[in-house]
């Protein structure tokens, strides 16, 4: 499978994390309406969804810390002098 640009990959991460968060929310909401299955949800689906969300967020944050933020910092440092020296 072909990978997109780093920004595309971060966008995909954001979408996957939001999907996982919505799935987790739906599972938690279901606990209130289906108490007979609450124990199964806590030990199964809920735990799985929390782990997926956690793992996805950790990987995403690492990519931001290692790739996005250093590059953004470099670009800001390169342009900072020009931005303040150019007339409005």
C-alpha atoms as a PDB file:
ATOM      1  CA  UNK A   1       0.000   0.000   0.000  1.00  0.00           C
ATOM      2  CA  UNK A   2       1.342   3.405  -0.980  1.00  0.00           C
ATOM      3  CA  UNK A   3       1.935   5.900   1.786  1.00  0.00           C
ATOM      4  CA  UNK A   4       0.956   9.515   1.466  1.00  0.00           C
ATOM      5  CA  UNK A   5       2.885  12.558   2.535  1.00  0.00           C
ATOM      6  CA  UNK A   6       3.711  12.936   6.223  1.00  0.00           C
ATOM      7  CA  UNK A   7       0.843  15.415   6.564  1.00  0.00           C
ATOM      8  CA  UNK A   8      -1.530  12.925   4.913  1.00  0.00           C
ATOM      9  CA  UNK A   9      -0.384  10.270   7.376  1.00  0.00           C
ATOM     10  CA  UNK A  10      -1.058  12.584  10.330  1.00  0.00           C
ATOM     11  CA  UNK A  11      -4.519  13.350   8.930  1.00  0.00           C
ATOM     12  CA  UNK A  12      -5.220   9.616   8.669  1.00  0.00           C
ATOM     13  CA  UNK A  13      -4.067   9.232  12.281  1.00  0.00           C
ATOM     14  CA  UNK A  14      -6.459  11.963  13.388  1.00  0.00           C
ATOM     15  CA  UNK A  15      -9.352  10.325  11.541  1.00  0.00           C
ATOM     16  CA  UNK A  16      -8.588   6.889  13.022  1.00  0.00           C
ATOM     17  CA  UNK A  17      -8.299   8.326  16.541  1.00  0.00           C
ATOM     18  CA  UNK A  18     -11.609  10.163  16.172  1.00  0.00           C
ATOM     19  CA  UNK A  19     -13.282   6.979  14.910  1.00  0.00           C
ATOM     20  CA  UNK A  20     -11.892   5.003  17.856  1.00  0.00           C
ATOM     21  CA  UNK A  21     -13.069   7.701  20.278  1.00  0.00           C
ATOM     22  CA  UNK A  22     -16.578   7.644  18.788  1.00  0.00           C
ATOM     23  CA  UNK A  23     -16.675   3.842  18.995  1.00  0.00           C
ATOM     24  CA  UNK A  24     -15.561   4.021  22.610  1.00  0.00           C
ATOM     25  CA  UNK A  25     -18.253   6.597  23.359  1.00  0.00           C
ATOM     26  CA  UNK A  26     -20.921   4.393  21.760  1.00  0.00           C
ATOM     27  CA  UNK A  27     -19.758   1.405  23.810  1.00  0.00           C
ATOM     28  CA  UNK A  28     -19.867   3.402  27.038  1.00  0.00           C
ATOM     29  CA  UNK A  29     -23.321   4.792  26.211  1.00  0.00           C
ATOM     30  CA  UNK A  30     -24.498   1.243  25.560  1.00  0.00           C
ATOM     31  CA  UNK A  31     -23.498   0.232  29.074  1.00  0.00           C
ATOM     32  CA  UNK A  32     -26.223   2.434  30.494  1.00  0.00           C
ATOM     33  CA  UNK A  33     -28.947   0.943  28.305  1.00  0.00           C
ATOM     34  CA  UNK A  34     -27.913  -2.706  28.367  1.00  0.00           C
ATOM     35  CA  UNK A  35     -26.859  -3.495  31.921  1.00  0.00           C
ATOM     36  CA  UNK A  36     -27.062  -7.262  31.466  1.00  0.00           C
ATOM     37  CA  UNK A  37     -24.138  -7.089  29.043  1.00  0.00           C
ATOM     38  CA  UNK A  38     -22.158  -4.490  30.994  1.00  0.00           C
ATOM     39  CA  UNK A  39     -19.697  -7.007  32.426  1.00  0.00           C
ATOM     40  CA  UNK A  40     -18.957  -8.477  28.991  1.00  0.00           C
ATOM     41  CA  UNK A  41     -18.492  -5.004  27.496  1.00  0.00           C
ATOM     42  CA  UNK A  42     -16.067  -3.956  30.210  1.00  0.00           C
ATOM     43  CA  UNK A  43     -13.959  -7.081  29.842  1.00  0.00           C
ATOM     44  CA  UNK A  44     -14.139  -7.256  26.049  1.00  0.00           C
ATOM     45  CA  UNK A  45     -15.214  -4.512  23.712  1.00  0.00           C
ATOM     46  CA  UNK A  46     -14.555  -1.593  26.003  1.00  0.00           C
ATOM     47  CA  UNK A  47     -11.060  -2.765  26.907  1.00  0.00           C
ATOM     48  CA  UNK A  48     -10.237  -3.387  23.231  1.00  0.00           C
ATOM     49  CA  UNK A  49     -11.466   0.052  22.199  1.00  0.00           C
ATOM     50  CA  UNK A  50      -9.498   1.795  24.947  1.00  0.00           C
ATOM     51  CA  UNK A  51      -6.329  -0.088  23.952  1.00  0.00           C
ATOM     52  CA  UNK A  52      -6.813   0.781  20.276  1.00  0.00           C
ATOM     53  CA  UNK A  53      -7.317   4.443  21.120  1.00  0.00           C
ATOM     54  CA  UNK A  54      -4.291   4.478  23.417  1.00  0.00           C
ATOM     55  CA  UNK A  55      -2.026   2.742  20.908  1.00  0.00           C
ATOM     56  CA  UNK A  56      -3.138   4.941  18.034  1.00  0.00           C
ATOM     57  CA  UNK A  57      -2.620   8.104  20.039  1.00  0.00           C
ATOM     58  CA  UNK A  58       0.823   7.071  21.264  1.00  0.00           C
ATOM     59  CA  UNK A  59       2.014   6.314  17.722  1.00  0.00           C
ATOM     60  CA  UNK A  60       0.526   9.534  16.400  1.00  0.00           C
ATOM     61  CA  UNK A  61       2.024  11.694  19.137  1.00  0.00           C
ATOM     62  CA  UNK A  62       5.433  10.107  18.542  1.00  0.00           C
ATOM     63  CA  UNK A  63       5.248  10.973  14.820  1.00  0.00           C
ATOM     64  CA  UNK A  64       4.333  14.551  15.685  1.00  0.00           C
ATOM     65  CA  UNK A  65       7.144  14.846  18.228  1.00  0.00           C
ATOM     66  CA  UNK A  66       9.762  13.247  15.969  1.00  0.00           C
ATOM     67  CA  UNK A  67       8.745  14.655  12.600  1.00  0.00           C
ATOM     68  CA  UNK A  68       6.197  17.451  12.566  1.00  0.00           C
ATOM     69  CA  UNK A  69       7.260  19.635  15.476  1.00  0.00           C
ATOM     70  CA  UNK A  70      11.016  19.763  14.702  1.00  0.00           C
ATOM     71  CA  UNK A  71      10.243  20.677  11.094  1.00  0.00           C
ATOM     72  CA  UNK A  72       7.720  23.319  12.144  1.00  0.00           C
ATOM     73  CA  UNK A  73      10.237  24.764  14.579  1.00  0.00           C
ATOM     74  CA  UNK A  74      12.888  24.905  11.837  1.00  0.00           C
ATOM     75  CA  UNK A  75      10.509  26.664   9.432  1.00  0.00           C
ATOM     76  CA  UNK A  76       9.447  29.201  12.045  1.00  0.00           C
ATOM     77  CA  UNK A  77      13.078  29.936  12.894  1.00  0.00           C
ATOM     78  CA  UNK A  78      13.921  30.418   9.193  1.00  0.00           C
ATOM     79  CA  UNK A  79      11.068  32.820   8.523  1.00  0.00           C
ATOM     80  CA  UNK A  80      10.907  34.687  11.830  1.00  0.00           C
ATOM     81  CA  UNK A  81      13.422  37.337  10.824  1.00  0.00           C
ATOM     82  CA  UNK A  82      11.743  37.933   7.471  1.00  0.00           C
ATOM     83  CA  UNK A  83       8.291  38.255   8.980  1.00  0.00           C
ATOM     84  CA  UNK A  84       9.386  40.936  11.432  1.00  0.00           C
ATOM     85  CA  UNK A  85      11.599  42.806   8.961  1.00  0.00           C
ATOM     86  CA  UNK A  86       9.058  43.079   6.121  1.00  0.00           C
ATOM     87  CA  UNK A  87       6.854  46.182   6.062  1.00  0.00           C
ATOM     88  CA  UNK A  88       3.111  45.724   6.523  1.00  0.00           C
END
